[in-house]
N, C-alpha and C. Protein backbone atom coordinates (compact mmCIF):
# COMPACT_ATOMS: atom_id res chain seq x y z
N MET A 1 0.55 -1.01 0.11
CA MET A 1 0.02 0.11 0.00
C MET A 1 1.07 0.99 -0.22
N GLU A 2 0.47 2.05 -0.96
CA GLU A 2 1.35 3.51 -1.12
C GLU A 2 0.74 3.94 -0.22
N THR A 3 1.08 5.30 0.64
CA THR A 3 0.53 6.43 0.88
C THR A 3 1.50 7.78 0.85
N PRO A 4 1.11 9.26 0.89
CA PRO A 4 1.78 9.80 0.91
C PRO A 4 2.47 10.32 2.22
N VAL A 5 2.38 9.93 3.36
CA VAL A 5 2.98 10.35 4.84
C VAL A 5 4.16 9.10 5.18
N ASN A 6 5.01 9.68 5.50
CA ASN A 6 6.68 8.34 5.21
C ASN A 6 5.94 7.82 6.83
N ARG A 7 6.73 7.17 6.92
CA ARG A 7 6.33 6.01 8.33
C ARG A 7 6.61 6.94 9.28
N SER A 8 7.11 7.39 9.78
CA SER A 8 7.44 7.89 11.57
C SER A 8 6.43 9.25 11.56
N SER A 9 6.44 9.93 10.33
CA SER A 9 5.45 11.37 10.51
C SER A 9 3.67 10.30 11.22
N VAL A 10 3.29 9.02 10.39
CA VAL A 10 2.03 8.86 10.58
C VAL A 10 1.76 8.12 11.83
N ARG A 11 3.01 7.28 12.51
CA ARG A 11 2.68 7.17 13.53
C ARG A 11 2.95 8.36 14.29
N ASP A 12 3.44 8.84 14.28
CA ASP A 12 3.99 10.26 15.16
C ASP A 12 2.24 10.51 15.46
N LEU A 13 1.88 10.84 13.79
CA LEU A 13 0.88 11.39 14.24
C LEU A 13 -0.75 11.38 15.03
N ALA A 14 -0.63 9.16 14.43
CA ALA A 14 -1.57 8.83 15.29
C ALA A 14 -0.75 8.89 17.06
N LEU A 15 -0.23 9.02 17.51
CA LEU A 15 0.22 8.78 18.47
C LEU A 15 -0.29 10.64 19.17
N ASP A 16 -0.28 11.62 18.87
CA ASP A 16 -0.52 13.05 18.54
C ASP A 16 -1.98 12.59 19.12
N LEU A 17 -2.48 12.15 17.94
CA LEU A 17 -4.00 11.56 18.35
C LEU A 17 -4.68 11.37 19.79
N ILE A 18 -3.97 10.11 19.95
CA ILE A 18 -4.12 9.98 21.03
C ILE A 18 -4.04 10.83 22.19
N LYS A 19 -2.93 11.12 22.41
CA LYS A 19 -2.48 12.32 23.57
C LYS A 19 -3.54 13.16 23.67
N CYS A 20 -3.68 13.86 22.33
CA CYS A 20 -4.88 14.87 22.30
C CYS A 20 -6.70 15.25 22.64
N TYR A 21 -6.73 13.43 21.98
CA TYR A 21 -7.83 12.89 22.51
C TYR A 21 -8.27 12.17 22.68
N GLY A 22 -7.44 11.38 22.97
CA GLY A 22 -7.90 9.72 23.87
C GLY A 22 -7.20 9.47 25.22
N TYR A 23 -6.49 10.48 25.94
CA TYR A 23 -5.92 9.98 27.32
C TYR A 23 -6.25 11.43 27.93
N ARG A 24 -6.53 10.88 29.40
CA ARG A 24 -6.90 11.51 30.63
C ARG A 24 -6.06 10.26 31.60
N ARG A 25 -5.53 12.36 32.53
CA ARG A 25 -5.10 11.38 34.20
C ARG A 25 -5.97 12.37 35.23
N HIS A 26 -6.51 10.69 35.83
CA HIS A 26 -7.38 11.03 36.94
C HIS A 26 -6.74 11.15 37.79
N ASP A 27 -7.05 12.16 39.14
CA ASP A 27 -6.70 12.23 40.49
C ASP A 27 -6.73 11.17 40.69
N GLU A 28 -7.22 10.15 40.87
CA GLU A 28 -8.20 9.18 41.93
C GLU A 28 -7.57 7.47 41.19
N PRO A 29 -7.55 6.94 41.60
CA PRO A 29 -7.00 5.81 40.79
C PRO A 29 -8.94 4.83 40.21
N PHE A 30 -8.86 4.42 40.03
CA PHE A 30 -10.22 3.88 38.66
C PHE A 30 -10.14 2.38 38.53
N MET A 31 -11.07 1.51 38.29
CA MET A 31 -10.96 0.24 37.78
C MET A 31 -11.22 -0.17 35.92
N LEU A 32 -10.48 -0.31 35.83
CA LEU A 32 -10.26 -0.75 34.25
C LEU A 32 -10.98 -1.64 34.16
N ALA A 33 -11.57 -2.31 32.84
CA ALA A 33 -12.20 -2.84 31.87
C ALA A 33 -11.53 -4.73 32.52
N SER A 34 -10.44 -4.43 32.39
CA SER A 34 -9.44 -5.84 32.69
C SER A 34 -10.26 -6.36 34.49
N GLY A 35 -10.16 -5.01 34.78
CA GLY A 35 -10.52 -5.45 36.11
C GLY A 35 -8.82 -4.79 37.23
N GLN A 36 -8.43 -3.23 36.45
CA GLN A 36 -6.74 -3.59 37.32
C GLN A 36 -7.01 -1.84 37.52
N VAL A 37 -6.13 -1.40 38.59
CA VAL A 37 -6.32 -0.39 39.00
C VAL A 37 -5.53 0.95 37.89
N SER A 38 -5.76 2.10 37.49
CA SER A 38 -5.20 2.88 37.30
C SER A 38 -5.20 4.37 36.99
N ARG A 39 -4.56 5.12 37.35
CA ARG A 39 -5.01 6.72 37.07
C ARG A 39 -5.42 7.22 35.86
N ASP A 40 -4.61 6.19 34.80
CA ASP A 40 -4.43 7.26 33.23
C ASP A 40 -5.41 6.27 32.43
N TYR A 41 -6.66 7.40 31.72
CA TYR A 41 -7.52 6.33 31.10
C TYR A 41 -7.10 7.01 29.80
N ILE A 42 -7.09 5.89 28.64
CA ILE A 42 -6.67 5.99 27.35
C ILE A 42 -8.12 5.16 26.77
N ASP A 43 -8.69 6.63 25.51
CA ASP A 43 -9.95 5.93 25.15
C ASP A 43 -9.31 5.93 23.43
N CYS A 44 -9.40 5.11 22.45
CA CYS A 44 -9.09 5.31 21.64
C CYS A 44 -10.32 5.17 21.23
N PHE A 45 -11.25 5.05 21.33
CA PHE A 45 -12.69 5.61 20.50
C PHE A 45 -12.74 6.63 19.96
N ALA A 46 -12.07 8.00 21.24
CA ALA A 46 -12.32 9.20 20.72
C ALA A 46 -11.27 9.58 20.58
N ALA A 47 -10.42 8.74 19.97
CA ALA A 47 -9.18 9.47 20.13
C ALA A 47 -8.77 9.61 18.19
N PHE A 48 -10.16 8.02 17.71
CA PHE A 48 -9.98 8.08 16.39
C PHE A 48 -11.42 7.97 15.71
N SER A 49 -11.83 8.99 16.60
CA SER A 49 -13.60 9.29 16.06
C SER A 49 -14.47 9.76 14.77
N THR A 50 -13.34 9.92 13.70
CA THR A 50 -13.40 10.79 12.87
C THR A 50 -13.08 9.83 11.62
N GLY A 51 -12.88 9.85 10.13
CA GLY A 51 -12.63 8.87 9.13
C GLY A 51 -11.27 9.14 9.17
N GLU A 52 -10.90 10.79 9.06
CA GLU A 52 -9.64 10.54 8.69
C GLU A 52 -8.41 10.14 9.88
N ARG A 53 -9.11 10.23 11.51
CA ARG A 53 -8.18 10.03 12.59
C ARG A 53 -7.86 8.34 12.26
N LEU A 54 -9.15 7.77 12.09
CA LEU A 54 -9.37 6.19 11.98
C LEU A 54 -8.36 5.98 10.74
N ARG A 55 -8.57 6.58 9.67
CA ARG A 55 -7.34 5.95 8.93
C ARG A 55 -5.81 6.21 8.88
N THR A 56 -5.51 7.34 9.79
CA THR A 56 -3.97 7.37 9.97
C THR A 56 -3.49 6.17 11.21
N VAL A 57 -4.14 6.12 11.63
CA VAL A 57 -4.20 4.61 12.60
C VAL A 57 -4.18 3.57 11.96
N SER A 58 -4.70 3.50 11.39
CA SER A 58 -5.12 2.08 10.30
C SER A 58 -3.37 2.19 9.73
N ILE A 59 -3.27 3.16 8.47
CA ILE A 59 -2.04 3.36 8.19
C ILE A 59 -0.99 2.87 8.67
N ALA A 60 -1.01 3.47 10.18
CA ALA A 60 0.59 3.40 10.80
C ALA A 60 0.31 2.04 11.50
N MET A 61 -0.84 1.25 11.28
CA MET A 61 -0.93 -0.36 11.47
C MET A 61 -0.48 -1.30 10.46
N ILE A 62 -1.14 -1.02 9.17
CA ILE A 62 -0.24 -1.53 8.04
C ILE A 62 0.84 -1.46 8.22
N GLN A 63 1.81 0.07 8.25
CA GLN A 63 3.05 -0.23 7.75
C GLN A 63 3.66 -1.08 8.96
N LEU A 64 3.05 -1.17 10.24
CA LEU A 64 3.48 -1.59 11.11
C LEU A 64 4.00 -3.15 10.74
N ALA A 65 2.97 -3.75 10.54
CA ALA A 65 2.92 -5.17 10.11
C ALA A 65 4.14 -5.38 8.68
N GLN A 66 3.55 -4.05 7.76
CA GLN A 66 4.79 -4.36 6.14
C GLN A 66 6.26 -4.68 7.43
N ARG A 67 6.38 -4.01 7.69
CA ARG A 67 7.66 -3.74 8.50
C ARG A 67 8.14 -4.96 9.45
N HIS A 68 7.20 -5.57 10.07
CA HIS A 68 7.61 -7.13 10.30
C HIS A 68 7.35 -8.90 8.88
N GLY A 69 7.09 -7.47 8.00
CA GLY A 69 6.62 -9.01 7.38
C GLY A 69 5.64 -9.58 7.33
N MET A 70 4.65 -9.20 8.02
CA MET A 70 3.37 -9.80 8.04
C MET A 70 2.02 -9.53 6.92
N THR A 71 2.25 -9.99 6.31
CA THR A 71 1.16 -10.14 5.12
C THR A 71 -0.33 -10.89 6.02
N PHE A 72 -1.70 -10.30 5.16
CA PHE A 72 -2.94 -11.06 5.55
C PHE A 72 -3.76 -10.63 4.94
N THR A 73 -4.74 -11.87 4.98
CA THR A 73 -6.48 -11.67 4.30
C THR A 73 -7.27 -10.88 4.50
N LEU A 74 -7.18 -11.46 6.07
CA LEU A 74 -8.41 -10.80 7.21
C LEU A 74 -7.82 -10.35 8.09
N VAL A 75 -8.49 -9.05 8.69
CA VAL A 75 -7.73 -8.16 9.62
C VAL A 75 -9.30 -8.56 11.32
N GLY A 76 -8.72 -8.76 12.28
CA GLY A 76 -10.47 -8.79 13.30
C GLY A 76 -9.61 -8.62 14.96
N GLY A 77 -10.67 -9.19 15.43
CA GLY A 77 -10.53 -9.04 16.99
C GLY A 77 -11.41 -8.76 17.66
N PRO A 78 -11.18 -9.35 18.97
CA PRO A 78 -12.56 -9.35 19.88
C PRO A 78 -13.56 -7.85 19.96
N THR A 79 -14.78 -8.03 19.55
CA THR A 79 -15.87 -7.27 19.88
C THR A 79 -15.86 -6.42 21.57
N MET A 80 -16.40 -4.70 21.49
CA MET A 80 -16.16 -4.20 20.15
C MET A 80 -14.37 -3.73 20.08
N GLY A 81 -14.05 -3.61 21.19
CA GLY A 81 -12.71 -2.79 20.71
C GLY A 81 -11.80 -2.79 19.33
N ALA A 82 -11.85 -4.15 18.36
CA ALA A 82 -11.66 -4.06 17.72
C ALA A 82 -11.91 -3.96 16.27
N ASP A 83 -13.27 -3.58 16.33
CA ASP A 83 -14.08 -3.51 15.33
C ASP A 83 -14.01 -2.17 14.04
N SER A 84 -14.51 -0.83 14.66
CA SER A 84 -13.98 -0.21 13.82
C SER A 84 -12.55 0.39 12.90
N ILE A 85 -11.33 -0.23 14.08
CA ILE A 85 -9.72 -0.26 13.50
C ILE A 85 -10.05 -1.50 12.52
N SER A 86 -11.02 -3.11 12.57
CA SER A 86 -10.86 -3.94 11.65
C SER A 86 -10.67 -3.32 10.33
N MET A 87 -12.29 -2.63 10.01
CA MET A 87 -12.74 -2.36 9.34
C MET A 87 -12.20 -1.24 8.58
N ALA A 88 -10.71 -0.09 9.28
CA ALA A 88 -10.43 0.73 8.70
C ALA A 88 -9.68 0.21 7.99
N ILE A 89 -8.52 -1.00 8.80
CA ILE A 89 -7.08 -1.46 7.65
C ILE A 89 -8.41 -2.08 6.57
N ALA A 90 -9.28 -3.00 6.34
CA ALA A 90 -9.51 -3.72 5.82
C ALA A 90 -10.06 -2.67 4.89
N MET A 91 -10.68 -1.76 4.35
CA MET A 91 -10.70 -1.05 3.92
C MET A 91 -9.24 0.29 3.17
N GLU A 92 -8.58 0.11 3.96
CA GLU A 92 -7.29 0.57 3.92
C GLU A 92 -5.92 -0.19 2.81
N GLY A 93 -6.25 -1.58 3.13
CA GLY A 93 -5.19 -2.21 3.06
C GLY A 93 -5.75 -3.09 1.87
N GLY A 94 -7.25 -3.65 1.61
CA GLY A 94 -7.73 -4.18 0.65
C GLY A 94 -8.23 -5.60 1.09
N CYS A 95 -8.15 -5.46 2.20
CA CYS A 95 -8.08 -7.12 2.35
C CYS A 95 -9.74 -7.64 3.62
N GLY A 96 -10.34 -8.74 4.11
CA GLY A 96 -11.37 -8.81 4.92
C GLY A 96 -11.28 -8.74 6.22
N TRP A 97 -12.56 -8.46 7.03
CA TRP A 97 -12.89 -7.95 8.52
C TRP A 97 -13.34 -9.19 9.21
N PHE A 98 -13.23 -9.04 10.28
CA PHE A 98 -14.44 -10.31 10.86
C PHE A 98 -14.37 -9.50 12.27
N SER A 99 -14.91 -10.14 13.56
CA SER A 99 -15.47 -9.47 14.59
C SER A 99 -15.24 -10.80 15.50
N VAL A 100 -14.93 -11.00 16.96
CA VAL A 100 -15.08 -11.46 17.83
C VAL A 100 -15.65 -11.30 18.61
N ARG A 101 -17.04 -12.05 18.34
CA ARG A 101 -18.42 -12.18 19.28
C ARG A 101 -17.60 -12.48 21.08
N LYS A 102 -18.30 -12.01 22.27
CA LYS A 102 -17.87 -12.22 23.43
C LYS A 102 -18.48 -13.62 23.99
N GLN A 103 -19.74 -14.33 23.56
CA GLN A 103 -20.76 -14.97 23.44
C GLN A 103 -20.89 -15.08 22.26
N PRO A 104 -21.39 -16.84 21.97
CA PRO A 104 -21.97 -17.20 20.63
C PRO A 104 -22.96 -16.26 20.24
N LYS A 105 -23.80 -16.05 18.90
CA LYS A 105 -24.55 -15.03 18.87
C LYS A 105 -26.16 -16.38 19.23
N PRO A 106 -27.04 -15.86 19.90
CA PRO A 106 -27.87 -16.87 21.24
C PRO A 106 -29.56 -17.37 19.52
N ARG A 107 -29.14 -17.04 18.28
CA ARG A 107 -30.08 -17.49 17.68
C ARG A 107 -29.43 -17.63 16.20
N GLY A 108 -30.10 -17.56 14.89
CA GLY A 108 -29.53 -18.57 13.69
C GLY A 108 -28.16 -19.66 13.60
N ARG A 109 -26.98 -18.83 13.19
CA ARG A 109 -25.90 -19.99 13.67
C ARG A 109 -25.35 -20.18 14.68
N MET A 110 -25.71 -19.26 15.40
CA MET A 110 -25.01 -19.24 16.90
C MET A 110 -23.62 -19.31 16.75
N GLN A 111 -23.20 -18.29 15.76
CA GLN A 111 -21.95 -18.33 15.51
C GLN A 111 -21.13 -17.27 16.13
N TRP A 112 -19.55 -17.72 16.46
CA TRP A 112 -18.92 -17.18 17.36
C TRP A 112 -18.06 -15.52 16.98
N ILE A 113 -17.98 -15.75 15.63
CA ILE A 113 -16.87 -14.28 14.55
C ILE A 113 -18.33 -14.49 13.42
N GLU A 114 -18.71 -12.47 13.59
CA GLU A 114 -19.15 -12.38 12.06
C GLU A 114 -18.20 -11.49 11.41
N GLY A 115 -18.76 -11.49 10.11
CA GLY A 115 -18.00 -10.55 9.00
C GLY A 115 -17.59 -12.09 7.91
N ALA A 116 -16.26 -11.30 7.73
CA ALA A 116 -15.80 -12.41 6.99
C ALA A 116 -15.58 -14.26 7.64
N ARG A 117 -16.08 -14.68 6.41
CA ARG A 117 -15.41 -16.10 6.80
C ARG A 117 -14.98 -16.94 6.78
N LEU A 118 -13.92 -17.63 8.24
CA LEU A 118 -12.63 -17.79 8.32
C LEU A 118 -12.24 -19.31 7.61
N THR A 119 -11.50 -19.71 6.97
CA THR A 119 -10.78 -20.61 6.69
C THR A 119 -9.20 -20.99 6.66
N VAL A 120 -9.36 -22.27 6.40
CA VAL A 120 -7.52 -22.96 6.76
C VAL A 120 -6.65 -21.98 5.75
N LYS A 121 -7.24 -20.81 4.66
CA LYS A 121 -6.47 -20.11 4.05
C LYS A 121 -6.20 -18.97 4.05
N ASP A 122 -7.17 -18.56 5.34
CA ASP A 122 -6.46 -17.09 5.87
C ASP A 122 -4.79 -17.09 6.40
N ARG A 123 -5.21 -16.30 5.96
CA ARG A 123 -3.51 -15.60 6.91
C ARG A 123 -4.18 -14.36 7.69
N VAL A 124 -4.07 -14.40 9.32
CA VAL A 124 -5.02 -13.68 10.09
C VAL A 124 -4.45 -12.51 10.70
N LEU A 125 -5.03 -10.77 10.55
CA LEU A 125 -3.50 -10.28 12.02
C LEU A 125 -5.37 -9.63 12.33
N LEU A 126 -4.58 -10.53 14.21
CA LEU A 126 -5.67 -10.42 15.60
C LEU A 126 -5.43 -8.85 15.70
N VAL A 127 -6.27 -8.13 15.69
CA VAL A 127 -6.17 -6.15 16.61
C VAL A 127 -7.23 -6.30 17.76
N ASP A 128 -6.89 -4.79 17.98
CA ASP A 128 -7.22 -4.36 19.71
C ASP A 128 -7.27 -2.78 19.84
N CYS A 129 -8.08 -2.25 20.50
CA CYS A 129 -7.82 -1.23 21.07
C CYS A 129 -6.68 -1.35 21.74
N VAL A 130 -6.64 -0.93 23.61
CA VAL A 130 -6.60 -1.06 24.89
C VAL A 130 -6.03 -2.45 24.88
N ALA A 131 -4.45 -3.19 25.23
CA ALA A 131 -4.31 -4.34 25.72
C ALA A 131 -3.84 -4.30 27.49
N THR A 132 -4.35 -4.48 28.15
CA THR A 132 -3.95 -4.40 29.65
C THR A 132 -3.37 -6.59 30.10
N THR A 133 -4.35 -7.43 30.44
CA THR A 133 -3.86 -8.57 30.46
C THR A 133 -3.90 -9.49 29.27
N GLY A 134 -4.50 -8.74 28.16
CA GLY A 134 -4.39 -9.66 26.95
C GLY A 134 -5.74 -10.21 26.69
N ARG A 135 -6.39 -10.85 27.92
CA ARG A 135 -7.41 -11.16 28.10
C ARG A 135 -8.04 -11.29 26.64
N SER A 136 -8.96 -10.08 26.77
CA SER A 136 -9.98 -10.65 25.60
C SER A 136 -8.93 -11.02 23.89
N ILE A 137 -7.98 -10.12 24.02
CA ILE A 137 -8.12 -10.70 22.81
C ILE A 137 -6.63 -12.44 22.67
N MET A 138 -6.99 -12.95 23.53
CA MET A 138 -6.88 -14.38 23.73
C MET A 138 -7.97 -15.06 23.31
N HIS A 139 -9.04 -14.43 23.99
CA HIS A 139 -10.17 -15.12 23.45
C HIS A 139 -10.64 -15.13 21.95
N ALA A 140 -10.34 -14.03 21.45
CA ALA A 140 -10.21 -14.26 20.20
C ALA A 140 -9.21 -15.02 19.01
N TYR A 141 -8.04 -14.96 19.86
CA TYR A 141 -7.31 -15.33 19.37
C TYR A 141 -7.75 -17.13 19.10
N GLU A 142 -8.42 -17.54 20.50
CA GLU A 142 -8.41 -18.83 20.42
C GLU A 142 -9.84 -19.33 19.73
N ARG A 143 -10.79 -17.90 19.21
CA ARG A 143 -11.75 -18.66 18.91
C ARG A 143 -11.32 -18.79 17.11
N VAL A 144 -10.56 -18.11 16.98
CA VAL A 144 -9.54 -18.20 15.12
C VAL A 144 -9.32 -19.34 15.04
N LEU A 145 -8.21 -19.72 16.14
CA LEU A 145 -7.45 -21.02 15.85
C LEU A 145 -8.50 -22.23 15.61
N SER A 146 -8.90 -21.72 16.16
CA SER A 146 -10.86 -22.92 16.12
C SER A 146 -10.49 -22.82 14.61
N THR A 147 -10.63 -21.80 14.06
CA THR A 147 -11.58 -22.18 12.39
C THR A 147 -10.14 -23.05 11.21
N GLY A 148 -9.13 -23.61 11.64
CA GLY A 148 -8.26 -23.48 10.78
C GLY A 148 -7.39 -22.40 10.26
N ALA A 149 -7.73 -21.19 10.33
CA ALA A 149 -6.94 -20.54 10.22
C ALA A 149 -5.48 -20.25 10.73
N THR A 150 -4.49 -19.32 9.95
CA THR A 150 -3.35 -18.84 10.61
C THR A 150 -3.38 -17.18 11.40
N ILE A 151 -2.76 -17.45 12.06
CA ILE A 151 -2.90 -16.32 12.95
C ILE A 151 -1.29 -15.34 12.45
N ILE A 152 -1.36 -14.86 11.58
CA ILE A 152 0.42 -14.03 11.57
C ILE A 152 0.59 -13.48 12.49
N GLY A 153 -0.22 -12.57 13.30
CA GLY A 153 0.39 -11.58 13.89
C GLY A 153 -0.89 -10.72 14.96
N ILE A 154 -0.12 -10.43 16.08
CA ILE A 154 -1.59 -9.19 17.11
C ILE A 154 -0.60 -7.90 16.93
N MET A 155 -1.97 -7.39 17.18
CA MET A 155 -1.61 -6.10 17.15
C MET A 155 -2.11 -5.22 17.89
N PRO A 156 -2.40 -4.46 19.17
CA PRO A 156 -3.46 -3.70 19.89
C PRO A 156 -2.43 -2.53 19.30
N ILE A 157 -3.40 -1.43 19.40
CA ILE A 157 -2.93 0.13 19.57
C ILE A 157 -2.37 0.31 20.75
N ILE A 158 -2.35 -0.52 21.62
CA ILE A 158 -1.79 0.14 22.63
C ILE A 158 -1.40 -0.79 23.53
N ASP A 159 -0.40 -1.32 24.03
CA ASP A 159 -0.11 -1.95 25.74
C ASP A 159 0.11 -1.31 26.70
N ARG A 160 -1.12 -1.43 27.66
CA ARG A 160 -0.47 -0.66 29.23
C ARG A 160 0.09 -1.38 29.73
N ALA A 161 0.38 -2.60 29.40
CA ALA A 161 1.64 -3.64 30.42
C ALA A 161 2.34 -4.41 29.43
N ASP A 162 2.97 -5.30 30.56
CA ASP A 162 3.91 -6.32 29.65
C ASP A 162 2.50 -8.16 29.77
N THR A 163 2.28 -7.98 30.01
CA THR A 163 1.19 -9.31 30.42
C THR A 163 1.07 -9.89 29.39
N ALA A 164 -0.01 -9.28 28.06
CA ALA A 164 -0.43 -9.52 27.09
C ALA A 164 1.48 -10.29 26.19
N ARG A 165 2.49 -9.15 26.09
CA ARG A 165 3.52 -9.61 25.68
C ARG A 165 3.11 -10.99 25.74
N ARG A 166 4.09 -11.78 27.29
CA ARG A 166 4.20 -12.70 27.90
C ARG A 166 3.95 -14.03 27.93
N LEU A 167 1.78 -13.16 27.80
CA LEU A 167 1.08 -14.20 27.52
C LEU A 167 0.92 -15.22 26.05
N PHE A 168 1.97 -14.02 25.42
CA PHE A 168 1.71 -14.58 23.68
C PHE A 168 3.38 -14.99 23.44
N HIS A 169 3.67 -14.52 24.54
CA HIS A 169 5.43 -15.34 23.71
C HIS A 169 5.20 -17.10 23.51
N SER A 170 4.57 -17.74 23.53
CA SER A 170 4.79 -19.07 23.68
C SER A 170 4.24 -19.55 22.69
N SER A 171 3.55 -18.50 21.83
CA SER A 171 2.67 -18.82 21.22
C SER A 171 3.33 -18.86 19.54
N GLY A 172 4.54 -18.58 19.61
CA GLY A 172 5.17 -18.28 18.64
C GLY A 172 5.04 -17.34 17.36
N VAL A 173 3.23 -16.56 17.45
CA VAL A 173 3.37 -15.88 17.00
C VAL A 173 3.31 -14.09 17.25
N PRO A 174 4.18 -13.69 16.55
CA PRO A 174 4.65 -12.19 17.20
C PRO A 174 3.43 -10.81 17.53
N TYR A 175 4.01 -10.79 18.70
CA TYR A 175 3.15 -9.75 19.92
C TYR A 175 3.86 -7.77 19.71
N VAL A 176 3.11 -7.46 18.18
CA VAL A 176 3.86 -5.67 18.30
C VAL A 176 2.45 -5.02 18.27
N PRO A 177 2.51 -4.32 19.68
CA PRO A 177 1.85 -2.72 19.75
C PRO A 177 2.40 -2.25 18.85
N LEU A 178 1.20 -1.12 18.47
CA LEU A 178 2.19 -0.05 17.44
C LEU A 178 2.71 0.99 18.31
N PHE A 179 1.79 0.89 19.49
CA PHE A 179 2.54 2.04 20.90
C PHE A 179 2.49 1.18 22.59
N THR A 180 3.32 1.46 23.67
CA THR A 180 2.79 0.97 24.74
C THR A 180 2.78 1.85 25.78
N TYR A 181 3.10 2.00 26.78
CA TYR A 181 2.86 2.76 27.92
C TYR A 181 3.92 3.83 28.07
N LYS A 182 4.83 3.12 28.01
CA LYS A 182 6.15 3.84 27.63
C LYS A 182 5.98 4.98 26.57
N ASP A 183 5.37 5.10 25.63
CA ASP A 183 5.05 5.71 24.64
C ASP A 183 4.69 6.64 24.90
N LEU A 184 3.49 6.16 25.82
CA LEU A 184 2.40 7.50 25.89
C LEU A 184 2.88 8.30 27.66
N GLY A 185 4.38 8.17 28.12
CA GLY A 185 5.50 8.32 29.24
C GLY A 185 4.96 8.07 30.71
N ILE A 186 3.75 6.99 31.19
CA ILE A 186 2.95 6.61 31.66
C ILE A 186 2.99 4.89 32.20
N ALA A 187 2.70 5.07 33.58
CA ALA A 187 3.40 3.83 33.92
C ALA A 187 2.85 2.83 33.69
N ALA A 188 3.50 1.46 33.34
CA ALA A 188 2.68 0.36 33.29
C ALA A 188 1.36 -0.18 34.26
N VAL A 189 0.32 -0.32 34.30
CA VAL A 189 -0.37 -1.32 34.98
C VAL A 189 -0.30 -2.77 35.30
N LYS A 190 0.21 -2.86 36.97
CA LYS A 190 0.42 -3.61 37.49
C LYS A 190 -0.76 -4.86 37.18
N VAL A 191 -0.52 -6.32 36.74
CA VAL A 191 -1.09 -6.86 36.70
C VAL A 191 -0.50 -8.47 37.68
N ASP A 192 -1.67 -8.96 38.49
CA ASP A 192 -0.83 -9.82 38.90
C ASP A 192 -0.88 -10.96 38.35
N ASP A 193 0.25 -12.08 38.21
CA ASP A 193 0.72 -13.01 37.50
C ASP A 193 -0.85 -14.64 37.47
N ARG A 194 -0.48 -14.05 38.65
CA ARG A 194 -1.00 -15.51 39.07
C ARG A 194 -2.92 -15.64 38.74
N GLU A 195 -3.50 -14.04 37.91
CA GLU A 195 -5.12 -14.28 37.10
C GLU A 195 -4.36 -14.45 35.97
N HIS A 196 -3.43 -15.78 35.32
CA HIS A 196 -3.40 -16.15 34.21
C HIS A 196 -2.52 -17.48 33.72
């Protein structure tokens, strides 16, 4: 994919969008969706809430995948954290997208995965907005593996801790976040390893 923006500047722009529109520091600690506690709130939905901003982060993620030699036919991840970025990457990169449900659809085909139908021929890039413990993306990982598709990489927009990287280390699948807590200049979320 060709883009008029060079690699470093599009990534830098995506980071600026997070800092400007998606990051807030709270006086008091609060509970994250993962169950962990932090003072730093990161809202990727707000940061990338326009088509232009969403295109910026999708280009940054496609370029990161290219730098790591990741070629993929499908992109997706856990609903709803991965939905908008999956669709944006699919549009920008010319591939298919899918979304992994938290629970199977209660009627019809009772499927776990919506969007593209995954097959053994597919090469999948798993994405998510923010990873803390890695549990939601692990759920998607397991569902995708059950289809026979090959997962070629795991790429959250932001990794808030070092836990997800350790979680996927033994899988042999590259875990490459676009940004980490270090890029935002915030403390890593402390996760009790006994939870995994």
